[in-house]
């Protein structure tokens, strides 16, 4: 998780420091403090989920923009090909040639 940009590392470290004493050293904790710690943990999870949703939305927007650009490029290429097929190819021989 150290390299995961979605993780609020400072908040996680602070929460873990608080709960490690409770979990591993059997430090007593009041019900109100336990609720605070639980709320902090939920807040971290919500923040990570929000960041992940934003990341996914940005990826989707980039995919859509790339697809739109590719479609425009395809249309432009087709239009250039149509124009090239209608363009005169040089002097013609026979009747009507000057």
PDB file of N, CA and C in Angstrom:
ATOM      1  N   UNK A   1       0.804  -1.209   0.000  1.00  0.00           N
ATOM      2  CA  UNK A   1       0.000   0.000   0.000  1.00  0.00           C
ATOM      3  C   UNK A   1       0.845   1.271   0.000  1.00  0.00           C
ATOM      4  N   UNK A   2       2.126   1.125   0.291  1.00  0.00           N
ATOM      5  CA  UNK A   2       2.985   2.306   0.403  1.00  0.00           C
ATOM      6  C   UNK A   2       3.022   3.110  -0.884  1.00  0.00           C
ATOM      7  N   UNK A   3       2.911   2.465  -2.024  1.00  0.00           N
ATOM      8  CA  UNK A   3       2.982   3.164  -3.309  1.00  0.00           C
ATOM      9  C   UNK A   3       1.610   3.469  -3.901  1.00  0.00           C
ATOM     10  N   UNK A   4       0.557   3.165  -3.185  1.00  0.00           N
ATOM     11  CA  UNK A   4      -0.798   3.386  -3.682  1.00  0.00           C
ATOM     12  C   UNK A   4      -1.225   4.822  -3.370  1.00  0.00           C
ATOM     13  N   UNK A   5      -1.388   5.625  -4.420  1.00  0.00           N
ATOM     14  CA  UNK A   5      -1.717   7.040  -4.239  1.00  0.00           C
ATOM     15  C   UNK A   5      -3.116   7.258  -3.672  1.00  0.00           C
ATOM     16  N   UNK A   6      -3.975   6.241  -3.737  1.00  0.00           N
ATOM     17  CA  UNK A   6      -5.333   6.401  -3.201  1.00  0.00           C
ATOM     18  C   UNK A   6      -5.350   6.382  -1.678  1.00  0.00           C
ATOM     19  N   UNK A   7      -4.324   5.831  -1.070  1.00  0.00           N
ATOM     20  CA  UNK A   7      -4.290   5.646   0.378  1.00  0.00           C
ATOM     21  C   UNK A   7      -3.828   6.925   1.074  1.00  0.00           C
ATOM     22  N   UNK A   8      -4.608   7.444   2.031  1.00  0.00           N
ATOM     23  CA  UNK A   8      -4.149   8.592   2.826  1.00  0.00           C
ATOM     24  C   UNK A   8      -3.191   8.085   3.912  1.00  0.00           C
ATOM     25  N   UNK A   9      -1.940   7.926   3.549  1.00  0.00           N
ATOM     26  CA  UNK A   9      -0.961   7.250   4.399  1.00  0.00           C
ATOM     27  C   UNK A   9      -0.842   7.839   5.803  1.00  0.00           C
ATOM     28  N   UNK A  10      -0.886   9.149   5.917  1.00  0.00           N
ATOM     29  CA  UNK A  10      -0.782   9.770   7.234  1.00  0.00           C
ATOM     30  C   UNK A  10      -1.936   9.383   8.147  1.00  0.00           C
ATOM     31  N   UNK A  11      -3.136   9.392   7.599  1.00  0.00           N
ATOM     32  CA  UNK A  11      -4.320   9.025   8.399  1.00  0.00           C
ATOM     33  C   UNK A  11      -4.274   7.553   8.795  1.00  0.00           C
ATOM     34  N   UNK A  12      -3.852   6.701   7.852  1.00  0.00           N
ATOM     35  CA  UNK A  12      -3.775   5.266   8.161  1.00  0.00           C
ATOM     36  C   UNK A  12      -2.737   5.021   9.251  1.00  0.00           C
ATOM     37  N   UNK A  13      -1.576   5.652   9.133  1.00  0.00           N
ATOM     38  CA  UNK A  13      -0.515   5.468  10.132  1.00  0.00           C
ATOM     39  C   UNK A  13      -0.984   5.915  11.512  1.00  0.00           C
ATOM     40  N   UNK A  14      -1.675   7.044  11.556  1.00  0.00           N
ATOM     41  CA  UNK A  14      -2.176   7.549  12.835  1.00  0.00           C
ATOM     42  C   UNK A  14      -3.198   6.583  13.442  1.00  0.00           C
ATOM     43  N   UNK A  15      -4.117   6.101  12.611  1.00  0.00           N
ATOM     44  CA  UNK A  15      -5.125   5.164  13.103  1.00  0.00           C
ATOM     45  C   UNK A  15      -4.461   3.879  13.601  1.00  0.00           C
ATOM     46  N   UNK A  16      -3.529   3.359  12.832  1.00  0.00           N
ATOM     47  CA  UNK A  16      -2.866   2.116  13.245  1.00  0.00           C
ATOM     48  C   UNK A  16      -2.090   2.296  14.542  1.00  0.00           C
ATOM     49  N   UNK A  17      -1.466   3.451  14.706  1.00  0.00           N
ATOM     50  CA  UNK A  17      -0.749   3.714  15.956  1.00  0.00           C
ATOM     51  C   UNK A  17      -1.709   3.687  17.141  1.00  0.00           C
ATOM     52  N   UNK A  18      -2.901   4.235  16.941  1.00  0.00           N
ATOM     53  CA  UNK A  18      -3.899   4.240  18.016  1.00  0.00           C
ATOM     54  C   UNK A  18      -4.424   2.841  18.319  1.00  0.00           C
ATOM     55  N   UNK A  19      -4.722   2.072  17.290  1.00  0.00           N
ATOM     56  CA  UNK A  19      -5.361   0.785  17.537  1.00  0.00           C
ATOM     57  C   UNK A  19      -4.382  -0.330  17.870  1.00  0.00           C
ATOM     58  N   UNK A  20      -3.118  -0.192  17.487  1.00  0.00           N
ATOM     59  CA  UNK A  20      -2.151  -1.242  17.812  1.00  0.00           C
ATOM     60  C   UNK A  20      -2.019  -1.450  19.316  1.00  0.00           C
ATOM     61  N   UNK A  21      -2.039  -0.363  20.067  1.00  0.00           N
ATOM     62  CA  UNK A  21      -1.956  -0.490  21.518  1.00  0.00           C
ATOM     63  C   UNK A  21      -3.162  -1.228  22.085  1.00  0.00           C
ATOM     64  N   UNK A  22      -4.293  -1.017  21.494  1.00  0.00           N
ATOM     65  CA  UNK A  22      -5.510  -1.691  21.935  1.00  0.00           C
ATOM     66  C   UNK A  22      -5.458  -3.163  21.548  1.00  0.00           C
ATOM     67  N   UNK A  23      -5.087  -3.404  20.321  1.00  0.00           N
ATOM     68  CA  UNK A  23      -5.102  -4.764  19.802  1.00  0.00           C
ATOM     69  C   UNK A  23      -3.997  -5.633  20.393  1.00  0.00           C
ATOM     70  N   UNK A  24      -2.773  -5.116  20.418  1.00  0.00           N
ATOM     71  CA  UNK A  24      -1.640  -5.955  20.803  1.00  0.00           C
ATOM     72  C   UNK A  24      -1.230  -5.813  22.262  1.00  0.00           C
ATOM     73  N   UNK A  25      -1.493  -4.666  22.870  1.00  0.00           N
ATOM     74  CA  UNK A  25      -1.082  -4.465  24.260  1.00  0.00           C
ATOM     75  C   UNK A  25      -2.267  -4.453  25.212  1.00  0.00           C
ATOM     76  N   UNK A  26      -3.420  -4.742  24.680  1.00  0.00           N
ATOM     77  CA  UNK A  26      -4.650  -4.790  25.475  1.00  0.00           C
ATOM     78  C   UNK A  26      -4.875  -3.497  26.245  1.00  0.00           C
ATOM     79  N   UNK A  27      -4.507  -2.373  25.642  1.00  0.00           N
ATOM     80  CA  UNK A  27      -4.729  -1.080  26.272  1.00  0.00           C
ATOM     81  C   UNK A  27      -6.232  -0.846  26.351  1.00  0.00           C
ATOM     82  N   UNK A  28      -6.710  -0.404  27.492  1.00  0.00           N
ATOM     83  CA  UNK A  28      -8.155  -0.171  27.618  1.00  0.00           C
ATOM     84  C   UNK A  28      -8.588   1.000  26.725  1.00  0.00           C
ATOM     85  N   UNK A  29      -9.818   0.902  26.234  1.00  0.00           N
ATOM     86  CA  UNK A  29     -10.370   1.948  25.392  1.00  0.00           C
ATOM     87  C   UNK A  29     -11.827   2.159  25.793  1.00  0.00           C
ATOM     88  N   UNK A  30     -12.206   3.414  25.892  1.00  0.00           N
ATOM     89  CA  UNK A  30     -13.586   3.721  26.260  1.00  0.00           C
ATOM     90  C   UNK A  30     -14.491   3.493  25.051  1.00  0.00           C
ATOM     91  N   UNK A  31     -15.776   3.269  25.315  1.00  0.00           N
ATOM     92  CA  UNK A  31     -16.710   3.098  24.192  1.00  0.00           C
ATOM     93  C   UNK A  31     -16.719   4.298  23.245  1.00  0.00           C
ATOM     94  N   UNK A  32     -16.643   5.501  23.787  1.00  0.00           N
ATOM     95  CA  UNK A  32     -16.667   6.686  22.913  1.00  0.00           C
ATOM     96  C   UNK A  32     -15.402   6.755  22.051  1.00  0.00           C
ATOM     97  N   UNK A  33     -14.246   6.399  22.636  1.00  0.00           N
ATOM     98  CA  UNK A  33     -12.996   6.395  21.858  1.00  0.00           C
ATOM     99  C   UNK A  33     -13.043   5.288  20.796  1.00  0.00           C
ATOM    100  N   UNK A  34     -13.617   4.155  21.121  1.00  0.00           N
ATOM    101  CA  UNK A  34     -13.748   3.066  20.148  1.00  0.00           C
ATOM    102  C   UNK A  34     -14.619   3.525  18.977  1.00  0.00           C
ATOM    103  N   UNK A  35     -15.690   4.263  19.269  1.00  0.00           N
ATOM    104  CA  UNK A  35     -16.539   4.793  18.200  1.00  0.00           C
ATOM    105  C   UNK A  35     -15.776   5.802  17.341  1.00  0.00           C
ATOM    106  N   UNK A  36     -14.957   6.634  17.989  1.00  0.00           N
ATOM    107  CA  UNK A  36     -14.139   7.604  17.239  1.00  0.00           C
ATOM    108  C   UNK A  36     -13.172   6.885  16.295  1.00  0.00           C
ATOM    109  N   UNK A  37     -12.537   5.848  16.804  1.00  0.00           N
ATOM    110  CA  UNK A  37     -11.591   5.092  15.980  1.00  0.00           C
ATOM    111  C   UNK A  37     -12.312   4.391  14.827  1.00  0.00           C
ATOM    112  N   UNK A  38     -13.476   3.846  15.106  1.00  0.00           N
ATOM    113  CA  UNK A  38     -14.254   3.191  14.054  1.00  0.00           C
ATOM    114  C   UNK A  38     -14.674   4.218  12.997  1.00  0.00           C
ATOM    115  N   UNK A  39     -15.084   5.399  13.435  1.00  0.00           N
ATOM    116  CA  UNK A  39     -15.474   6.453  12.493  1.00  0.00           C
ATOM    117  C   UNK A  39     -14.271   6.885  11.660  1.00  0.00           C
ATOM    118  N   UNK A  40     -13.109   6.957  12.280  1.00  0.00           N
ATOM    119  CA  UNK A  40     -11.896   7.314  11.532  1.00  0.00           C
ATOM    120  C   UNK A  40     -11.588   6.256  10.480  1.00  0.00           C
ATOM    121  N   UNK A  41     -11.743   4.993  10.842  1.00  0.00           N
ATOM    122  CA  UNK A  41     -11.499   3.906   9.885  1.00  0.00           C
ATOM    123  C   UNK A  41     -12.498   3.981   8.732  1.00  0.00           C
ATOM    124  N   UNK A  42     -13.766   4.204   9.047  1.00  0.00           N
ATOM    125  CA  UNK A  42     -14.772   4.333   7.985  1.00  0.00           C
ATOM    126  C   UNK A  42     -14.463   5.531   7.085  1.00  0.00           C
ATOM    127  N   UNK A  43     -14.021   6.619   7.681  1.00  0.00           N
ATOM    128  CA  UNK A  43     -13.658   7.812   6.903  1.00  0.00           C
ATOM    129  C   UNK A  43     -12.520   7.530   5.936  1.00  0.00           C
ATOM    130  N   UNK A  44     -11.548   6.761   6.392  1.00  0.00           N
ATOM    131  CA  UNK A  44     -10.427   6.393   5.518  1.00  0.00           C
ATOM    132  C   UNK A  44     -10.940   5.552   4.350  1.00  0.00           C
ATOM    133  N   UNK A  45     -11.770   4.574   4.647  1.00  0.00           N
ATOM    134  CA  UNK A  45     -12.321   3.715   3.588  1.00  0.00           C
ATOM    135  C   UNK A  45     -13.130   4.553   2.602  1.00  0.00           C
ATOM    136  N   UNK A  46     -13.944   5.476   3.089  1.00  0.00           N
ATOM    137  CA  UNK A  46     -14.741   6.331   2.209  1.00  0.00           C
ATOM    138  C   UNK A  46     -13.845   7.192   1.325  1.00  0.00           C
ATOM    139  N   UNK A  47     -12.765   7.714   1.899  1.00  0.00           N
ATOM    140  CA  UNK A  47     -11.835   8.536   1.127  1.00  0.00           C
ATOM    141  C   UNK A  47     -11.167   7.719   0.028  1.00  0.00           C
ATOM    142  N   UNK A  48     -10.758   6.508   0.364  1.00  0.00           N
ATOM    143  CA  UNK A  48     -10.128   5.634  -0.635  1.00  0.00           C
ATOM    144  C   UNK A  48     -11.126   5.311  -1.740  1.00  0.00           C
ATOM    145  N   UNK A  49     -12.353   4.994  -1.368  1.00  0.00           N
ATOM    146  CA  UNK A  49     -13.374   4.687  -2.371  1.00  0.00           C
ATOM    147  C   UNK A  49     -13.651   5.893  -3.264  1.00  0.00           C
ATOM    148  N   UNK A  50     -13.683   7.079  -2.691  1.00  0.00           N
ATOM    149  CA  UNK A  50     -13.906   8.299  -3.465  1.00  0.00           C
ATOM    150  C   UNK A  50     -12.754   8.512  -4.448  1.00  0.00           C
ATOM    151  N   UNK A  51     -11.532   8.311  -3.990  1.00  0.00           N
ATOM    152  CA  UNK A  51     -10.375   8.466  -4.867  1.00  0.00           C
ATOM    153  C   UNK A  51     -10.410   7.423  -5.996  1.00  0.00           C
ATOM    154  N   UNK A  52     -10.826   6.200  -5.662  1.00  0.00           N
ATOM    155  CA  UNK A  52     -10.903   5.152  -6.680  1.00  0.00           C
ATOM    156  C   UNK A  52     -11.983   5.479  -7.703  1.00  0.00           C
ATOM    157  N   UNK A  53     -13.128   5.983  -7.254  1.00  0.00           N
ATOM    158  CA  UNK A  53     -14.179   6.376  -8.195  1.00  0.00           C
ATOM    159  C   UNK A  53     -13.680   7.489  -9.117  1.00  0.00           C
ATOM    160  N   UNK A  54     -12.956   8.444  -8.553  1.00  0.00           N
ATOM    161  CA  UNK A  54     -12.411   9.539  -9.360  1.00  0.00           C
ATOM    162  C   UNK A  54     -11.396   9.005 -10.369  1.00  0.00           C
ATOM    163  N   UNK A  55     -10.558   8.065  -9.950  1.00  0.00           N
ATOM    164  CA  UNK A  55      -9.571   7.480 -10.850  1.00  0.00           C
ATOM    165  C   UNK A  55     -10.261   6.742 -11.996  1.00  0.00           C
ATOM    166  N   UNK A  56     -11.274   5.953 -11.668  1.00  0.00           N
ATOM    167  CA  UNK A  56     -12.006   5.214 -12.695  1.00  0.00           C
ATOM    168  C   UNK A  56     -12.732   6.158 -13.649  1.00  0.00           C
ATOM    169  N   UNK A  57     -13.302   7.230 -13.122  1.00  0.00           N
ATOM    170  CA  UNK A  57     -13.988   8.206 -13.966  1.00  0.00           C
ATOM    171  C   UNK A  57     -12.997   8.890 -14.902  1.00  0.00           C
ATOM    172  N   UNK A  58     -11.817   9.208 -14.397  1.00  0.00           N
ATOM    173  CA  UNK A  58     -10.790   9.824 -15.243  1.00  0.00           C
ATOM    174  C   UNK A  58     -10.341   8.863 -16.333  1.00  0.00           C
ATOM    175  N   UNK A  59     -10.169   7.589 -15.985  1.00  0.00           N
ATOM    176  CA  UNK A  59      -9.801   6.594 -16.993  1.00  0.00           C
ATOM    177  C   UNK A  59     -10.879   6.478 -18.066  1.00  0.00           C
ATOM    178  N   UNK A  60     -12.135   6.444 -17.646  1.00  0.00           N
ATOM    179  CA  UNK A  60     -13.246   6.329 -18.595  1.00  0.00           C
ATOM    180  C   UNK A  60     -13.302   7.557 -19.493  1.00  0.00           C
ATOM    181  N   UNK A  61     -13.115   8.742 -18.921  1.00  0.00           N
ATOM    182  CA  UNK A  61     -13.121   9.966 -19.721  1.00  0.00           C
ATOM    183  C   UNK A  61     -11.980   9.943 -20.736  1.00  0.00           C
ATOM    184  N   UNK A  62     -10.820   9.465 -20.329  1.00  0.00           N
ATOM    185  CA  UNK A  62      -9.685   9.374 -21.249  1.00  0.00           C
ATOM    186  C   UNK A  62      -9.976   8.369 -22.357  1.00  0.00           C
ATOM    187  N   UNK A  63     -10.591   7.237 -22.001  1.00  0.00           N
ATOM    188  CA  UNK A  63     -10.958   6.237 -23.018  1.00  0.00           C
ATOM    189  C   UNK A  63     -11.943   6.822 -24.024  1.00  0.00           C
ATOM    190  N   UNK A  64     -12.939   7.537 -23.514  1.00  0.00           N
ATOM    191  CA  UNK A  64     -13.941   8.132 -24.395  1.00  0.00           C
ATOM    192  C   UNK A  64     -13.318   9.197 -25.290  1.00  0.00           C
ATOM    193  N   UNK A  65     -12.427  10.011 -24.737  1.00  0.00           N
ATOM    194  CA  UNK A  65     -11.764  11.038 -25.527  1.00  0.00           C
ATOM    195  C   UNK A  65     -10.901  10.403 -26.612  1.00  0.00           C
ATOM    196  N   UNK A  66     -10.200   9.329 -26.283  1.00  0.00           N
ATOM    197  CA  UNK A  66      -9.372   8.637 -27.270  1.00  0.00           C
ATOM    198  C   UNK A  66     -10.239   8.020 -28.359  1.00  0.00           C
ATOM    199  N   UNK A  67     -11.366   7.439 -27.974  1.00  0.00           N
ATOM    200  CA  UNK A  67     -12.268   6.843 -28.966  1.00  0.00           C
ATOM    201  C   UNK A  67     -12.845   7.923 -29.870  1.00  0.00           C
ATOM    202  N   UNK A  68     -13.213   9.069 -29.310  1.00  0.00           N
ATOM    203  CA  UNK A  68     -13.755  10.169 -30.111  1.00  0.00           C
ATOM    204  C   UNK A  68     -12.690  10.702 -31.061  1.00  0.00           C
ATOM    205  N   UNK A  69     -11.460  10.820 -30.583  1.00  0.00           N
ATOM    206  CA  UNK A  69     -10.370  11.293 -31.438  1.00  0.00           C
ATOM    207  C   UNK A  69     -10.111  10.305 -32.572  1.00  0.00           C
ATOM    208  N   UNK A  70     -10.151   9.020 -32.259  1.00  0.00           N
ATOM    209  CA  UNK A  70      -9.942   7.992 -33.291  1.00  0.00           C
ATOM    210  C   UNK A  70     -11.066   8.035 -34.315  1.00  0.00           C
ATOM    211  N   UNK A  71     -12.295   8.240 -33.862  1.00  0.00           N
ATOM    212  CA  UNK A  71     -13.436   8.318 -34.778  1.00  0.00           C
ATOM    213  C   UNK A  71     -13.312   9.547 -35.676  1.00  0.00           C
ATOM    214  N   UNK A  72     -12.895  10.688 -35.091  1.00  0.00           N
ATOM    215  CA  UNK A  72     -12.699  11.895 -35.900  1.00  0.00           C
ATOM    216  C   UNK A  72     -11.591  11.678 -36.924  1.00  0.00           C
ATOM    217  N   UNK A  73     -10.515  11.044 -36.515  1.00  0.00           N
ATOM    218  CA  UNK A  73      -9.409  10.764 -37.428  1.00  0.00           C
ATOM    219  C   UNK A  73      -9.869   9.850 -38.559  1.00  0.00           C
ATOM    220  N   UNK A  74     -10.673   8.852 -38.235  1.00  0.00           N
ATOM    221  CA  UNK A  74     -11.215   7.944 -39.259  1.00  0.00           C
ATOM    222  C   UNK A  74     -12.096   8.709 -40.236  1.00  0.00           C
ATOM    223  N   UNK A  75     -12.951   9.567 -39.703  1.00  0.00           N
ATOM    224  CA  UNK A  75     -13.821  10.371 -40.573  1.00  0.00           C
ATOM    225  C   UNK A  75     -12.989  11.292 -41.463  1.00  0.00           C
ATOM    226  N   UNK A  76     -11.964  11.919 -40.883  1.00  0.00           N
ATOM    227  CA  UNK A  76     -11.103  12.797 -41.669  1.00  0.00           C
ATOM    228  C   UNK A  76     -10.391  12.022 -42.771  1.00  0.00           C
ATOM    229  N   UNK A  77      -9.903  10.830 -42.458  1.00  0.00           N
ATOM    230  CA  UNK A  77      -9.221  10.001 -43.454  1.00  0.00           C
ATOM    231  C   UNK A  77     -10.175   9.606 -44.565  1.00  0.00           C
ATOM    232  N   UNK A  78     -11.406   9.251 -44.198  1.00  0.00           N
ATOM    233  CA  UNK A  78     -12.396   8.897 -45.217  1.00  0.00           C
ATOM    234  C   UNK A  78     -12.729  10.089 -46.098  1.00  0.00           C
ATOM    235  N   UNK A  79     -12.855  11.271 -45.494  1.00  0.00           N
ATOM    236  CA  UNK A  79     -13.135  12.482 -46.265  1.00  0.00           C
ATOM    237  C   UNK A  79     -11.974  12.803 -47.206  1.00  0.00           C
ATOM    238  N   UNK A  80     -10.753  12.677 -46.737  1.00  0.00           N
ATOM    239  CA  UNK A  80      -9.590  12.908 -47.606  1.00  0.00           C
ATOM    240  C   UNK A  80      -9.588  11.917 -48.770  1.00  0.00           C
ATOM    241  N   UNK A  81      -9.916  10.663 -48.497  1.00  0.00           N
ATOM    242  CA  UNK A  81      -9.962   9.647 -49.553  1.00  0.00           C
ATOM    243  C   UNK A  81     -11.058   9.976 -50.568  1.00  0.00           C
ATOM    244  N   UNK A  82     -12.226  10.439 -50.102  1.00  0.00           N
ATOM    245  CA  UNK A  82     -13.307  10.822 -51.017  1.00  0.00           C
ATOM    246  C   UNK A  82     -12.872  11.987 -51.902  1.00  0.00           C
ATOM    247  N   UNK A  83     -12.258  12.975 -51.294  1.00  0.00           N
ATOM    248  CA  UNK A  83     -11.803  14.137 -52.067  1.00  0.00           C
ATOM    249  C   UNK A  83     -10.754  13.722 -53.085  1.00  0.00           C
ATOM    250  N   UNK A  84      -9.848  12.873 -52.679  1.00  0.00           N
ATOM    251  CA  UNK A  84      -8.790  12.430 -53.588  1.00  0.00           C
ATOM    252  C   UNK A  84      -9.377  11.656 -54.754  1.00  0.00           C
ATOM    253  N   UNK A  85     -10.437  10.911 -54.535  1.00  0.00           N
ATOM    254  CA  UNK A  85     -11.025  10.120 -55.618  1.00  0.00           C
ATOM    255  C   UNK A  85     -11.781  10.999 -56.604  1.00  0.00           C
ATOM    256  N   UNK A  86     -12.205  12.198 -56.180  1.00  0.00           N
ATOM    257  CA  UNK A  86     -12.926  13.118 -57.060  1.00  0.00           C
ATOM    258  C   UNK A  86     -12.002  14.110 -57.749  1.00  0.00           C
ATOM    259  N   UNK A  87     -10.793  14.224 -57.315  1.00  0.00           N
ATOM    260  CA  UNK A  87      -9.867  15.215 -57.860  1.00  0.00           C
ATOM    261  C   UNK A  87      -9.435  14.815 -59.262  1.00  0.00           C
ATOM    262  N   UNK A  88      -9.273  15.813 -60.137  1.00  0.00           N
ATOM    263  CA  UNK A  88      -8.793  15.506 -61.484  1.00  0.00           C
ATOM    264  C   UNK A  88      -7.410  14.876 -61.409  1.00  0.00           C
ATOM    265  N   UNK A  89      -7.155  13.966 -62.348  1.00  0.00           N
ATOM    266  CA  UNK A  89      -5.908  13.227 -62.321  1.00  0.00           C
ATOM    267  C   UNK A  89      -4.906  13.717 -63.377  1.00  0.00           C
ATOM    268  N   UNK A  90      -5.176  14.797 -63.992  1.00  0.00           N
ATOM    269  CA  UNK A  90      -4.273  15.285 -65.031  1.00  0.00           C
ATOM    270  C   UNK A  90      -5.010  15.417 -66.342  1.00  0.00           C
ATOM    271  N   UNK A  91      -4.300  15.788 -67.412  1.00  0.00           N
ATOM    272  CA  UNK A  91      -4.957  15.987 -68.719  1.00  0.00           C
ATOM    273  C   UNK A  91      -5.542  14.690 -69.246  1.00  0.00           C
ATOM    274  N   UNK A  92      -6.719  14.820 -69.830  1.00  0.00           N
ATOM    275  CA  UNK A  92      -7.387  13.658 -70.428  1.00  0.00           C
ATOM    276  C   UNK A  92      -7.236  13.743 -71.933  1.00  0.00           C
ATOM    277  N   UNK A  93      -7.121  12.618 -72.525  1.00  0.00           N
ATOM    278  CA  UNK A  93      -7.038  12.594 -73.982  1.00  0.00           C
ATOM    279  C   UNK A  93      -8.426  12.385 -74.572  1.00  0.00           C
ATOM    280  N   UNK A  94      -8.601  12.723 -75.799  1.00  0.00           N
ATOM    281  CA  UNK A  94      -9.867  12.475 -76.471  1.00  0.00           C
ATOM    282  C   UNK A  94     -10.679  13.726 -76.591  1.00  0.00           C
ATOM    283  N   UNK A  95     -11.956  13.556 -76.889  1.00  0.00           N
ATOM    284  CA  UNK A  95     -12.851  14.691 -77.138  1.00  0.00           C
ATOM    285  C   UNK A  95     -12.994  15.529 -75.891  1.00  0.00           C
ATOM    286  N   UNK A  96     -13.034  16.797 -76.083  1.00  0.00           N
ATOM    287  CA  UNK A  96     -13.213  17.710 -74.959  1.00  0.00           C
ATOM    288  C   UNK A  96     -11.908  18.119 -74.314  1.00  0.00           C
ATOM    289  N   UNK A  97     -10.802  17.485 -74.674  1.00  0.00           N
ATOM    290  CA  UNK A  97      -9.513  17.866 -74.080  1.00  0.00           C
ATOM    291  C   UNK A  97      -8.980  19.067 -74.818  1.00  0.00           C
ATOM    292  N   UNK A  98      -8.429  20.034 -74.147  1.00  0.00           N
ATOM    293  CA  UNK A  98      -7.922  21.216 -74.806  1.00  0.00           C
ATOM    294  C   UNK A  98      -6.444  21.167 -75.033  1.00  0.00           C
TER     295      UNK A  98
END
